[in-house]
Amino acid sequence: MSATGDYLSRMDSDHDGRVALVEYQDWMSYAFMRMDLDGDGVLTTAELPGGRGNPVSLVEHREKLASTFGRQDRNRDGFLDAGELAAPPQ
């Protein structure tokens, strides 16, 4: 299996061969969840790398991921296939 195919299979929680927005957001939010030490859904400055930056909420984070997903979904079918997943967002 190619690296992209392997990555897709790990993201594809319902095993339908494609990645939906929610699957993408869930997979790409793992680092956020690990950094959110108090589990309040907001990365405070103290929880951010280097202790710098403005706080960011999980909602804001997922909105940014949705924007990235939209740019990668080149055929606009609401899913990412292996080719779209491998390509950088436009």
C-alpha atoms as a PDB file:
ATOM      1  CA  MET A   1       0.000   0.000   0.000  1.00  0.00           C
ATOM      2  CA  SER A   2       1.306   3.460  -0.801  1.00  0.00           C
ATOM      3  CA  ALA A   3       2.045   5.928   1.968  1.00  0.00           C
ATOM      4  CA  THR A   4      -0.946   8.022   0.883  1.00  0.00           C
ATOM      5  CA  GLY A   5      -3.212   4.988   0.793  1.00  0.00           C
ATOM      6  CA  ASP A   6      -2.057   3.979   4.253  1.00  0.00           C
ATOM      7  CA  TYR A   7      -2.682   7.506   5.543  1.00  0.00           C
ATOM      8  CA  LEU A   8      -6.147   7.502   3.964  1.00  0.00           C
ATOM      9  CA  SER A   9      -6.993   4.140   5.523  1.00  0.00           C
ATOM     10  CA  ARG A  10      -6.036   5.424   8.979  1.00  0.00           C
ATOM     11  CA  MET A  11      -8.192   8.564   8.540  1.00  0.00           C
ATOM     12  CA  ASP A  12     -11.106   6.678   7.003  1.00  0.00           C
ATOM     13  CA  SER A  13     -12.906   5.664  10.191  1.00  0.00           C
ATOM     14  CA  ASP A  14     -15.955   4.241   8.387  1.00  0.00           C
ATOM     15  CA  HIS A  15     -13.759   2.308   5.904  1.00  0.00           C
ATOM     16  CA  ASP A  16     -15.574   3.492   2.777  1.00  0.00           C
ATOM     17  CA  GLY A  17     -12.370   4.307   0.893  1.00  0.00           C
ATOM     18  CA  ARG A  18     -12.660   8.064   1.189  1.00  0.00           C
ATOM     19  CA  VAL A  19     -12.309  10.713   3.863  1.00  0.00           C
ATOM     20  CA  ALA A  20     -15.282  12.865   4.856  1.00  0.00           C
ATOM     21  CA  LEU A  21     -14.867  16.294   6.442  1.00  0.00           C
ATOM     22  CA  VAL A  22     -15.601  15.040   9.970  1.00  0.00           C
ATOM     23  CA  GLU A  23     -13.082  12.211   9.600  1.00  0.00           C
ATOM     24  CA  TYR A  24     -10.489  14.709   8.396  1.00  0.00           C
ATOM     25  CA  GLN A  25     -11.206  17.121  11.245  1.00  0.00           C
ATOM     26  CA  ASP A  26     -11.132  14.351  13.837  1.00  0.00           C
ATOM     27  CA  TRP A  27      -7.822  12.956  12.573  1.00  0.00           C
ATOM     28  CA  MET A  28      -6.186  16.358  12.190  1.00  0.00           C
ATOM     29  CA  SER A  29      -7.285  17.486  15.672  1.00  0.00           C
ATOM     30  CA  TYR A  30      -5.283  14.856  17.569  1.00  0.00           C
ATOM     31  CA  ALA A  31      -2.442  17.310  18.338  1.00  0.00           C
ATOM     32  CA  PHE A  32      -4.913  19.941  19.531  1.00  0.00           C
ATOM     33  CA  MET A  33      -6.482  17.445  21.896  1.00  0.00           C
ATOM     34  CA  ARG A  34      -3.099  16.397  23.291  1.00  0.00           C
ATOM     35  CA  MET A  35      -2.029  20.008  23.865  1.00  0.00           C
ATOM     36  CA  ASP A  36      -5.332  20.963  25.539  1.00  0.00           C
ATOM     37  CA  LEU A  37      -4.110  19.876  28.964  1.00  0.00           C
ATOM     38  CA  ASP A  38      -7.169  21.032  30.892  1.00  0.00           C
ATOM     39  CA  GLY A  39      -9.617  19.686  28.285  1.00  0.00           C
ATOM     40  CA  ASP A  40     -11.597  22.914  28.023  1.00  0.00           C
ATOM     41  CA  GLY A  41     -11.567  23.092  24.207  1.00  0.00           C
ATOM     42  CA  VAL A  42      -9.266  26.113  24.132  1.00  0.00           C
ATOM     43  CA  LEU A  43      -5.526  26.183  23.718  1.00  0.00           C
ATOM     44  CA  THR A  44      -4.363  28.959  25.986  1.00  0.00           C
ATOM     45  CA  THR A  45      -1.062  30.724  25.457  1.00  0.00           C
ATOM     46  CA  ALA A  46       0.465  28.503  28.136  1.00  0.00           C
ATOM     47  CA  GLU A  47      -0.652  25.364  26.236  1.00  0.00           C
ATOM     48  CA  LEU A  48       0.687  26.553  22.875  1.00  0.00           C
ATOM     49  CA  PRO A  49       4.171  25.558  21.713  1.00  0.00           C
ATOM     50  CA  GLY A  50       6.723  27.923  23.177  1.00  0.00           C
ATOM     51  CA  GLY A  51       4.055  29.546  25.350  1.00  0.00           C
ATOM     52  CA  ARG A  52       3.375  32.083  22.613  1.00  0.00           C
ATOM     53  CA  GLY A  53       0.428  33.057  20.480  1.00  0.00           C
ATOM     54  CA  ASN A  54      -3.205  33.890  20.892  1.00  0.00           C
ATOM     55  CA  PRO A  55      -5.603  31.355  22.371  1.00  0.00           C
ATOM     56  CA  VAL A  56      -7.390  29.187  19.824  1.00  0.00           C
ATOM     57  CA  SER A  57     -10.565  27.209  20.353  1.00  0.00           C
ATOM     58  CA  LEU A  58     -11.296  23.759  19.007  1.00  0.00           C
ATOM     59  CA  VAL A  59     -14.167  25.296  17.026  1.00  0.00           C
ATOM     60  CA  GLU A  60     -11.769  27.750  15.338  1.00  0.00           C
ATOM     61  CA  HIS A  61      -9.295  24.954  14.700  1.00  0.00           C
ATOM     62  CA  ARG A  62     -11.966  22.773  13.065  1.00  0.00           C
ATOM     63  CA  GLU A  63     -13.155  25.723  10.939  1.00  0.00           C
ATOM     64  CA  LYS A  64      -9.617  26.165   9.587  1.00  0.00           C
ATOM     65  CA  LEU A  65      -9.444  22.457   8.855  1.00  0.00           C
ATOM     66  CA  ALA A  66     -12.763  22.678   6.981  1.00  0.00           C
ATOM     67  CA  SER A  67     -11.306  25.435   4.820  1.00  0.00           C
ATOM     68  CA  THR A  68      -8.243  23.322   4.039  1.00  0.00           C
ATOM     69  CA  PHE A  69     -10.450  20.314   3.299  1.00  0.00           C
ATOM     70  CA  GLY A  70     -12.497  22.424   0.883  1.00  0.00           C
ATOM     71  CA  ARG A  71      -9.385  23.449  -1.026  1.00  0.00           C
ATOM     72  CA  GLN A  72      -8.215  19.825  -1.254  1.00  0.00           C
ATOM     73  CA  ASP A  73     -11.615  18.513  -2.386  1.00  0.00           C
ATOM     74  CA  ARG A  74     -10.926  19.356  -6.018  1.00  0.00           C
ATOM     75  CA  ASN A  75     -13.892  17.484  -7.471  1.00  0.00           C
ATOM     76  CA  ARG A  76     -16.221  19.019  -4.850  1.00  0.00           C
ATOM     77  CA  ASP A  77     -17.866  15.742  -3.913  1.00  0.00           C
ATOM     78  CA  GLY A  78     -17.495  16.344  -0.170  1.00  0.00           C
ATOM     79  CA  PHE A  79     -14.838  13.655   0.274  1.00  0.00           C
ATOM     80  CA  LEU A  80     -11.098  13.292  -0.176  1.00  0.00           C
ATOM     81  CA  ASP A  81      -9.769  10.362  -2.150  1.00  0.00           C
ATOM     82  CA  ALA A  82      -6.130   9.267  -2.052  1.00  0.00           C
ATOM     83  CA  GLY A  83      -5.158  11.629  -4.887  1.00  0.00           C
ATOM     84  CA  GLU A  84      -6.794  14.655  -3.294  1.00  0.00           C
ATOM     85  CA  LEU A  85      -5.342  13.768   0.090  1.00  0.00           C
ATOM     86  CA  ALA A  86      -1.833  13.576  -1.383  1.00  0.00           C
ATOM     87  CA  ALA A  87      -2.102  16.895  -3.219  1.00  0.00           C
ATOM     88  CA  PRO A  88      -1.397  20.154  -1.413  1.00  0.00           C
ATOM     89  CA  PRO A  89      -4.426  22.409  -0.898  1.00  0.00           C
ATOM     90  CA  GLN A  90      -4.841  25.086  -3.558  1.00  0.00           C
END
